[in-house]
Amino acid sequence: MRGRIRTEQVAAPHPNLLPARGEKGLETHMPHLIVEYSSNLEDERRVDIRALVDAVHAAALETGVFPIGGLRTRAERRDVYKVADGHKDNGFVHVQARIGTGRTAEVRQKAAEHIFEAVKRATANAFATSPLGLTLEIVEIDPVGAMKHNNLHEIVEQRRAMGKG
């Protein structure tokens, strides 16, 4: 499939992004990556949203900071928006990474930079030819009131072991 990044192709994590092993519980901290975008980016196929989601997902995995079984990446199209002076060609992409607490500021910053580079690559053609604002933020989820029930870690590992992942 042209233009898509497959997570199976992700080799080793980026060496500068790995958290210190032994940081309590980091293996279970999930990220939710929300790619919010203006609907006009779909006009004339300015941005391939599926490829953008795939690129963001793969970049998060490449960091080595986020476990595959906890990773969720999704796109949210915005039909009602106003960007800058309100011109109809102005567009935006905003990525919010909602993560569990416990990672150092340095690890969060490096992960943000790595994922943001993937966003910039995936939107480079649109950025070169039209007005486009790109942003990314990492938000730590307060553990109070945050609940999880997930069997994906084990199933993903089983698939990998059987060569199906």
Protein backbone atom coordinates (compact mmCIF):
# COMPACT_ATOMS: atom_id res chain seq x y z
CA MET A 1 0.00 0.00 0.00
CA ARG A 2 1.61 3.19 -1.17
CA GLY A 3 2.00 5.97 1.34
CA ARG A 4 1.25 3.89 4.42
CA ILE A 5 3.64 3.04 7.19
CA ARG A 6 3.16 -0.39 8.62
CA THR A 7 4.02 -0.76 12.28
CA GLU A 8 5.57 -4.16 11.59
CA GLN A 9 8.28 -2.34 9.66
CA VAL A 10 9.38 -0.43 12.74
CA ALA A 11 12.81 -1.74 13.59
CA ALA A 12 14.44 -0.78 16.85
CA PRO A 13 13.31 2.06 19.06
CA HIS A 14 15.10 5.35 18.60
CA PRO A 15 18.09 5.00 21.00
CA ASN A 16 17.80 8.51 22.44
CA LEU A 17 14.17 8.11 23.45
CA LEU A 18 14.14 5.02 25.59
CA PRO A 19 13.12 5.63 29.19
CA ALA A 20 15.39 4.32 31.89
CA ARG A 21 14.43 0.72 32.52
CA GLY A 22 13.29 0.27 36.01
CA GLU A 23 11.14 3.39 36.00
CA LYS A 24 8.18 1.93 37.81
CA GLY A 25 5.25 0.91 35.61
CA LEU A 26 6.35 2.56 32.37
CA GLU A 27 5.64 -0.57 30.39
CA THR A 28 1.92 -0.17 31.02
CA HIS A 29 1.50 3.56 30.38
CA MET A 30 -0.74 3.97 27.42
CA PRO A 31 -0.74 6.79 24.93
CA HIS A 32 -3.83 7.98 23.15
CA LEU A 33 -2.83 9.98 20.09
CA ILE A 34 -5.59 12.17 18.73
CA VAL A 35 -4.98 13.72 15.32
CA GLU A 36 -7.41 16.61 14.98
CA TYR A 37 -7.57 18.25 11.57
CA SER A 38 -9.53 20.79 9.55
CA SER A 39 -11.85 19.20 7.01
CA ASN A 40 -10.43 21.30 4.18
CA LEU A 41 -7.28 19.16 4.27
CA GLU A 42 -9.30 16.46 2.54
CA ASP A 43 -10.07 18.88 -0.34
CA GLU A 44 -8.10 17.91 -3.41
CA ARG A 45 -6.41 15.31 -1.23
CA ARG A 46 -4.09 17.87 0.40
CA VAL A 47 -3.28 15.44 3.21
CA ASP A 48 -3.74 11.67 3.24
CA ILE A 49 -5.29 11.39 6.70
CA ARG A 50 -4.90 7.60 6.87
CA ALA A 51 -1.18 7.95 6.08
CA LEU A 52 -0.90 10.70 8.69
CA VAL A 53 -2.47 8.48 11.36
CA ASP A 54 -0.20 5.60 10.36
CA ALA A 55 2.87 7.87 10.51
CA VAL A 56 1.97 9.20 13.97
CA HIS A 57 1.30 5.68 15.26
CA ALA A 58 4.59 4.34 13.87
CA ALA A 59 6.58 7.29 15.23
CA ALA A 60 5.14 6.74 18.71
CA LEU A 61 6.25 3.11 18.56
CA GLU A 62 9.69 4.09 17.28
CA THR A 63 10.31 6.13 20.43
CA GLY A 64 10.38 2.98 22.53
CA VAL A 65 8.50 4.95 25.17
CA PHE A 66 5.02 3.62 24.48
CA PRO A 67 3.94 -0.04 24.52
CA ILE A 68 2.21 -1.29 21.38
CA GLY A 69 -0.62 -2.87 23.37
CA GLY A 70 -1.53 0.48 24.90
CA LEU A 71 -1.23 2.63 21.80
CA ARG A 72 -4.40 4.10 20.27
CA THR A 73 -4.22 6.58 17.41
CA ARG A 74 -7.26 8.16 15.86
CA ALA A 75 -8.24 11.10 13.70
CA GLU A 76 -10.97 13.61 14.41
CA ARG A 77 -12.14 15.71 11.48
CA ARG A 78 -13.34 19.20 12.32
CA ASP A 79 -15.97 20.66 10.03
CA VAL A 80 -16.49 23.86 12.00
CA TYR A 81 -13.29 25.85 12.59
CA LYS A 82 -11.65 29.18 11.92
CA VAL A 83 -7.91 29.44 11.39
CA ALA A 84 -5.95 32.73 11.47
CA ASP A 85 -7.73 35.28 9.24
CA GLY A 86 -10.51 32.80 8.43
CA HIS A 87 -9.52 32.26 4.80
CA LYS A 88 -11.08 29.06 3.47
CA ASP A 89 -7.66 27.61 2.50
CA ASN A 90 -6.21 27.88 6.02
CA GLY A 91 -5.89 24.46 7.61
CA PHE A 92 -4.59 22.85 10.76
CA VAL A 93 -3.41 19.59 12.25
CA HIS A 94 -3.18 19.28 16.02
CA VAL A 95 -1.90 16.11 17.65
CA GLN A 96 -2.59 15.54 21.29
CA ALA A 97 -0.78 12.69 23.01
CA ARG A 98 -2.56 11.76 26.21
CA ILE A 99 -0.17 9.65 28.26
CA GLY A 100 0.09 8.11 31.69
CA THR A 101 2.18 9.88 34.31
CA GLY A 102 5.70 8.95 35.30
CA ARG A 103 7.95 9.81 32.37
CA THR A 104 10.62 12.45 32.79
CA ALA A 105 10.29 15.83 31.09
CA GLU A 106 13.26 14.95 28.88
CA VAL A 107 11.66 11.70 27.70
CA ARG A 108 8.34 13.46 27.01
CA GLN A 109 10.09 16.24 25.07
CA LYS A 110 12.14 13.82 22.93
CA ALA A 111 9.07 11.72 22.21
CA ALA A 112 7.10 14.85 21.24
CA GLU A 113 9.88 15.98 18.91
CA HIS A 114 10.10 12.56 17.25
CA ILE A 115 6.35 12.30 16.68
CA PHE A 116 6.15 15.92 15.49
CA GLU A 117 8.82 15.23 12.85
CA ALA A 118 6.59 12.44 11.53
CA VAL A 119 3.64 14.86 11.40
CA LYS A 120 5.74 17.36 9.45
CA ARG A 121 6.90 14.69 6.97
CA ALA A 122 3.34 13.41 6.44
CA THR A 123 2.04 16.92 5.76
CA ALA A 124 5.07 18.32 3.89
CA ASN A 125 3.35 18.61 0.49
CA ALA A 126 0.35 20.45 1.91
CA PHE A 127 2.62 22.68 4.00
CA ALA A 128 4.65 23.61 0.90
CA THR A 129 1.58 24.54 -1.13
CA SER A 130 -1.02 25.93 1.28
CA PRO A 131 -1.46 27.73 4.61
CA LEU A 132 -1.22 25.12 7.34
CA GLY A 133 -0.68 25.23 11.09
CA LEU A 134 0.82 22.16 12.80
CA THR A 135 0.86 21.64 16.56
CA LEU A 136 1.50 18.81 19.00
CA GLU A 137 1.19 18.58 22.75
CA ILE A 138 1.72 15.85 25.30
CA VAL A 139 -0.74 15.82 28.18
CA GLU A 140 -0.32 13.60 31.21
CA ILE A 141 -3.54 11.95 32.37
CA ASP A 142 -4.30 12.34 36.06
CA PRO A 143 -4.38 8.77 37.41
CA VAL A 144 -7.25 9.63 39.76
CA GLY A 145 -10.39 8.54 37.97
CA ALA A 146 -8.52 7.05 34.99
CA MET A 147 -9.38 3.39 34.51
CA LYS A 148 -8.15 0.76 32.07
CA HIS A 149 -9.17 -2.75 31.15
CA ASN A 150 -7.04 -4.13 28.33
CA ASN A 151 -6.05 -7.54 26.99
CA LEU A 152 -4.25 -6.13 23.95
CA HIS A 153 -0.71 -6.44 25.39
CA GLU A 154 -1.02 -10.22 25.71
CA ILE A 155 -2.80 -10.72 22.39
CA VAL A 156 -0.28 -8.59 20.48
CA GLU A 157 2.55 -10.63 22.02
CA GLN A 158 0.81 -13.89 21.09
CA ARG A 159 0.43 -12.69 17.50
CA ARG A 160 4.08 -11.69 17.34
CA ALA A 161 5.15 -15.06 18.71
CA MET A 162 3.05 -16.80 16.05
CA GLY A 163 4.44 -14.51 13.34
CA LYS A 164 1.07 -12.84 12.69
CA GLY A 165 1.93 -9.36 14.04
